[in-house]
């Protein structure tokens, strides 16, 4: 009798599974997206996660506090996609680390900004002031171009603007002292430095407001965020669904409501 009851229970269990053909398919629709703290995380949480969940996905968001781990996690298969970087950083990081990653769509970004606790305008900059700025090569170049655009330095002619370093500064009439720092730590330097050039996501995550910046970057397209995936996954249905979520009117509505002032790609203008 015990054996018969066991067999009957097993048969019942099989029947339940058969009656729910989507049970295992749902497991295949589990998504893990990586991003950095602040507005990038909030964009995924408010704008993208609900759209993907409406398509039957189970979405997990993983928050990182640096610009290194999200790409390593993606390459290792811990993430299906990430959102935190511009395409220049993605390509350089992938080349340096031997990773096979690709961008699939551009996304909005909080602009780079110059911040200070002691100065309100660029006119208050003094000779010898200390400016902290990102230390990773692509954002360091971006910060120096930003300073040149605001008339504080001049870089050597003929240098690739995407590869500028402190050594390429030809004129520094105010004798500014450049202090490269890991990007996520830049908000903390405001207590000691005269100015800090801070990536928008880390500025907002630290409690700063874009409107508090001494000056904001006019962000070119190549510094917009991108969604990155493993190159082998570019044409998968799941990747197409992620791209479609960013292109949706629902996502645009979230941007209009919660992320005003962000630099946007053309398809979201």
Protein backbone atom coordinates (compact mmCIF):
# COMPACT_ATOMS: atom_id res chain seq x y z
CA UNK A 1 0.00 0.00 0.00
CA UNK A 2 2.83 2.35 0.82
CA UNK A 3 4.35 1.76 -2.62
CA UNK A 4 1.00 2.40 -4.30
CA UNK A 5 0.57 5.67 -2.41
CA UNK A 6 4.08 6.73 -3.46
CA UNK A 7 3.36 5.96 -7.11
CA UNK A 8 0.04 7.76 -6.91
CA UNK A 9 1.70 10.86 -5.48
CA UNK A 10 4.37 10.79 -8.19
CA UNK A 11 1.67 10.52 -10.86
CA UNK A 12 -0.19 13.45 -9.33
CA UNK A 13 3.00 15.55 -9.26
CA UNK A 14 3.65 14.81 -12.95
CA UNK A 15 0.07 15.81 -13.71
CA UNK A 16 0.51 19.15 -11.93
CA UNK A 17 3.66 19.94 -13.91
CA UNK A 18 1.96 18.90 -17.14
CA UNK A 19 -0.88 21.24 -16.34
CA UNK A 20 1.59 24.13 -16.00
CA UNK A 21 3.71 24.02 -19.19
CA UNK A 22 5.18 27.45 -18.45
CA UNK A 23 6.67 26.50 -15.09
CA UNK A 24 10.11 25.65 -16.40
CA UNK A 25 9.97 28.16 -19.26
CA UNK A 26 9.55 30.87 -16.64
CA UNK A 27 12.91 29.89 -15.13
CA UNK A 28 14.49 30.58 -18.51
CA UNK A 29 13.05 34.08 -18.39
CA UNK A 30 14.97 35.08 -15.27
CA UNK A 31 17.05 38.19 -16.02
CA UNK A 32 19.89 39.73 -14.04
CA UNK A 33 20.87 43.30 -14.93
CA UNK A 34 23.88 45.08 -13.45
CA UNK A 35 24.35 48.80 -12.92
CA UNK A 36 25.96 51.40 -10.69
CA UNK A 37 24.38 53.13 -7.71
CA UNK A 38 22.17 56.17 -8.17
CA UNK A 39 20.33 57.22 -11.34
CA UNK A 40 21.47 54.25 -13.42
CA UNK A 41 19.96 51.86 -10.87
CA UNK A 42 16.84 54.02 -10.59
CA UNK A 43 16.35 54.07 -14.37
CA UNK A 44 16.37 50.29 -14.47
CA UNK A 45 14.17 49.96 -11.39
CA UNK A 46 11.54 52.50 -12.42
CA UNK A 47 11.70 52.35 -16.21
CA UNK A 48 12.99 49.02 -17.47
CA UNK A 49 12.24 46.36 -14.85
CA UNK A 50 8.44 46.85 -14.95
CA UNK A 51 8.38 46.63 -18.75
CA UNK A 52 10.37 43.39 -18.82
CA UNK A 53 8.29 41.93 -16.02
CA UNK A 54 5.15 42.68 -18.02
CA UNK A 55 6.64 40.44 -20.72
CA UNK A 56 6.96 37.55 -18.27
CA UNK A 57 10.54 38.02 -17.11
CA UNK A 58 11.68 37.81 -13.53
CA UNK A 59 14.16 40.67 -13.20
CA UNK A 60 16.92 41.00 -10.59
CA UNK A 61 18.96 44.20 -10.38
CA UNK A 62 22.53 44.06 -9.07
CA UNK A 63 24.14 47.29 -7.86
CA UNK A 64 27.90 47.87 -8.18
CA UNK A 65 30.02 50.62 -6.63
CA UNK A 66 32.81 50.79 -9.20
CA UNK A 67 33.40 50.71 -12.96
CA UNK A 68 35.31 47.41 -13.01
CA UNK A 69 33.09 44.67 -11.62
CA UNK A 70 30.00 45.16 -13.84
CA UNK A 71 31.87 44.19 -17.01
CA UNK A 72 33.70 41.32 -15.34
CA UNK A 73 30.41 39.97 -14.01
CA UNK A 74 28.84 40.30 -17.46
CA UNK A 75 31.71 38.48 -19.16
CA UNK A 76 31.56 35.70 -16.55
CA UNK A 77 27.85 35.17 -17.16
CA UNK A 78 26.56 36.50 -13.83
CA UNK A 79 24.63 39.22 -15.70
CA UNK A 80 22.54 39.23 -18.86
CA UNK A 81 23.32 42.91 -19.49
CA UNK A 82 24.67 45.98 -17.74
CA UNK A 83 24.06 49.72 -17.86
CA UNK A 84 26.68 52.11 -16.47
CA UNK A 85 29.30 53.10 -19.07
CA UNK A 86 29.83 54.92 -22.34
CA UNK A 87 30.95 53.07 -25.43
CA UNK A 88 34.53 54.36 -25.28
CA UNK A 89 35.03 52.92 -21.81
CA UNK A 90 33.36 49.65 -22.83
CA UNK A 91 35.64 49.14 -25.83
CA UNK A 92 38.84 50.06 -24.01
CA UNK A 93 38.02 47.96 -20.95
CA UNK A 94 37.06 45.00 -23.14
CA UNK A 95 40.29 45.29 -25.14
CA UNK A 96 42.45 45.66 -22.03
CA UNK A 97 40.83 42.69 -20.26
CA UNK A 98 40.31 40.50 -23.33
CA UNK A 99 36.52 40.48 -22.96
CA UNK A 100 34.06 39.92 -25.80
CA UNK A 101 31.36 42.47 -24.96
CA UNK A 102 29.21 44.65 -27.22
CA UNK A 103 26.89 47.62 -26.89
CA UNK A 104 23.33 47.17 -28.14
CA UNK A 105 21.62 50.52 -27.49
CA UNK A 106 22.41 53.99 -26.13
CA UNK A 107 20.72 55.24 -22.96
CA UNK A 108 20.42 58.53 -21.03
CA UNK A 109 23.12 59.69 -18.67
CA UNK A 110 23.39 62.26 -15.92
CA UNK A 111 25.96 64.78 -17.23
CA UNK A 112 29.49 65.10 -15.89
CA UNK A 113 29.76 68.15 -13.67
CA UNK A 114 32.22 70.40 -11.88
CA UNK A 115 31.28 70.66 -8.19
CA UNK A 116 32.60 72.61 -5.22
CA UNK A 117 31.68 73.22 -1.60
CA UNK A 118 33.59 76.49 -1.39
CA UNK A 119 33.09 78.13 -4.82
CA UNK A 120 29.92 79.02 -6.68
CA UNK A 121 31.25 79.99 -10.12
CA UNK A 122 34.27 79.40 -12.33
CA UNK A 123 35.21 83.04 -11.78
CA UNK A 124 36.07 82.10 -8.19
CA UNK A 125 38.75 79.61 -9.28
CA UNK A 126 42.17 80.62 -7.92
CA UNK A 127 45.69 79.93 -9.10
CA UNK A 128 46.91 76.60 -7.79
CA UNK A 129 43.47 75.21 -6.99
CA UNK A 130 43.20 71.44 -6.61
CA UNK A 131 40.73 69.65 -8.89
CA UNK A 132 39.98 65.97 -8.43
CA UNK A 133 38.87 64.07 -11.53
CA UNK A 134 38.26 60.46 -12.62
CA UNK A 135 41.37 58.30 -12.88
CA UNK A 136 40.16 55.77 -15.47
CA UNK A 137 41.61 56.69 -18.89
CA UNK A 138 38.39 57.37 -20.82
CA UNK A 139 36.79 59.54 -18.12
CA UNK A 140 40.08 61.29 -17.39
CA UNK A 141 40.25 62.33 -21.05
CA UNK A 142 36.61 63.38 -20.90
CA UNK A 143 37.26 65.53 -17.81
CA UNK A 144 40.25 67.28 -19.37
CA UNK A 145 38.27 68.05 -22.54
CA UNK A 146 35.53 69.40 -20.28
CA UNK A 147 38.06 71.73 -18.60
CA UNK A 148 39.35 72.86 -21.99
CA UNK A 149 35.82 73.61 -23.18
CA UNK A 150 35.43 75.83 -20.12
CA UNK A 151 38.63 77.73 -20.87
CA UNK A 152 40.72 76.45 -17.95
CA UNK A 153 43.36 74.52 -19.88
CA UNK A 154 44.54 73.88 -23.44
CA UNK A 155 45.65 70.49 -24.68
CA UNK A 156 48.25 69.71 -27.31
CA UNK A 157 47.09 69.92 -30.91
CA UNK A 158 46.69 66.66 -32.76
CA UNK A 159 46.11 64.53 -29.66
CA UNK A 160 43.16 62.14 -29.81
CA UNK A 161 40.60 63.81 -27.50
CA UNK A 162 39.51 60.38 -26.30
CA UNK A 163 43.02 59.54 -25.07
CA UNK A 164 44.15 62.79 -23.42
CA UNK A 165 46.08 62.55 -20.15
CA UNK A 166 47.58 65.17 -17.85
CA UNK A 167 50.78 64.94 -19.94
CA UNK A 168 48.87 66.32 -22.93
CA UNK A 169 47.92 69.57 -21.20
CA UNK A 170 49.94 72.20 -23.11
CA UNK A 171 48.71 75.26 -21.22
CA UNK A 172 47.61 75.48 -17.61
CA UNK A 173 47.72 79.22 -16.89
CA UNK A 174 45.99 78.90 -13.50
CA UNK A 175 48.47 76.20 -12.40
CA UNK A 176 45.64 73.87 -11.51
CA UNK A 177 46.71 70.76 -9.61
CA UNK A 178 45.04 67.65 -11.05
CA UNK A 179 44.35 64.82 -8.60
CA UNK A 180 43.04 61.65 -10.32
CA UNK A 181 40.77 59.57 -8.07
CA UNK A 182 38.64 56.47 -8.56
CA UNK A 183 35.34 57.79 -9.95
CA UNK A 184 33.07 56.46 -7.20
CA UNK A 185 35.17 58.23 -4.55
CA UNK A 186 35.09 61.68 -6.14
CA UNK A 187 32.13 63.05 -4.14
CA UNK A 188 34.09 62.39 -0.94
CA UNK A 189 36.93 64.60 -2.13
CA UNK A 190 34.78 67.74 -1.98
CA UNK A 191 35.73 68.28 1.66
CA UNK A 192 39.40 68.66 0.71
CA UNK A 193 39.62 69.63 -2.96
CA UNK A 194 38.66 73.04 -4.29
CA UNK A 195 36.69 71.48 -7.15
CA UNK A 196 35.79 67.96 -8.24
CA UNK A 197 34.74 66.71 -11.66
CA UNK A 198 32.17 64.03 -10.88
CA UNK A 199 30.30 61.61 -13.10
CA UNK A 200 26.59 62.34 -12.86
CA UNK A 201 25.50 58.97 -11.48
CA UNK A 202 27.97 59.15 -8.59
CA UNK A 203 27.13 62.80 -7.94
CA UNK A 204 23.43 62.01 -7.56
CA UNK A 205 24.08 58.82 -5.59
CA UNK A 206 26.05 60.89 -3.07
CA UNK A 207 23.20 63.35 -2.59
CA UNK A 208 24.39 66.10 -4.95
CA UNK A 209 21.95 67.67 -7.38
CA UNK A 210 22.75 68.40 -11.01
CA UNK A 211 21.52 71.94 -10.40
CA UNK A 212 24.22 72.35 -7.74
CA UNK A 213 27.06 71.90 -10.22
CA UNK A 214 29.25 74.92 -10.93
CA UNK A 215 28.97 73.89 -14.58
CA UNK A 216 27.56 70.82 -16.36
CA UNK A 217 28.94 69.06 -19.41
CA UNK A 218 27.15 69.32 -22.74
CA UNK A 219 27.32 65.58 -23.25
CA UNK A 220 28.26 64.35 -26.76
CA UNK A 221 26.71 61.13 -28.05
CA UNK A 222 29.84 59.07 -27.49
CA UNK A 223 29.58 59.72 -23.75
CA UNK A 224 25.99 58.54 -23.42
CA UNK A 225 25.45 55.35 -21.48
CA UNK A 226 25.13 52.10 -23.39
CA UNK A 227 23.55 48.77 -22.58
CA UNK A 228 26.21 46.08 -22.91
CA UNK A 229 25.85 42.32 -23.38
CA UNK A 230 28.15 39.45 -24.25
CA UNK A 231 28.74 39.60 -27.99
CA UNK A 232 27.49 36.03 -28.34
CA UNK A 233 24.15 37.17 -26.87
CA UNK A 234 23.56 40.20 -29.13
CA UNK A 235 20.93 38.52 -31.29
CA UNK A 236 19.11 36.54 -28.60
CA UNK A 237 15.39 37.23 -28.07
CA UNK A 238 16.11 38.38 -24.52
CA UNK A 239 18.50 41.04 -25.81
CA UNK A 240 15.91 42.22 -28.31
CA UNK A 241 13.39 42.48 -25.48
CA UNK A 242 15.81 44.57 -23.40
CA UNK A 243 16.41 46.92 -26.35
CA UNK A 244 12.66 47.19 -26.97
CA UNK A 245 12.12 48.18 -23.33
CA UNK A 246 14.49 51.14 -23.73
CA UNK A 247 12.70 52.17 -26.93
CA UNK A 248 9.24 51.99 -25.39
CA UNK A 249 6.95 54.96 -24.70
CA UNK A 250 6.59 53.72 -21.12
CA UNK A 251 10.32 54.19 -20.52
CA UNK A 252 10.23 57.64 -22.12
CA UNK A 253 7.41 58.61 -19.75
CA UNK A 254 9.52 57.56 -16.75
CA UNK A 255 12.40 59.69 -18.02
CA UNK A 256 10.12 62.69 -18.47
CA UNK A 257 8.82 62.35 -14.92
CA UNK A 258 11.91 61.37 -12.92
CA UNK A 259 15.03 62.18 -14.93
CA UNK A 260 14.66 65.67 -16.32
CA UNK A 261 17.89 67.33 -17.45
CA UNK A 262 19.58 64.09 -18.44
CA UNK A 263 21.44 63.83 -21.73
CA UNK A 264 19.43 61.57 -24.04
CA UNK A 265 20.09 59.67 -27.28
CA UNK A 266 18.24 60.82 -30.40
CA UNK A 267 15.57 58.12 -30.23
CA UNK A 268 14.44 59.46 -26.83
CA UNK A 269 14.41 63.15 -27.75
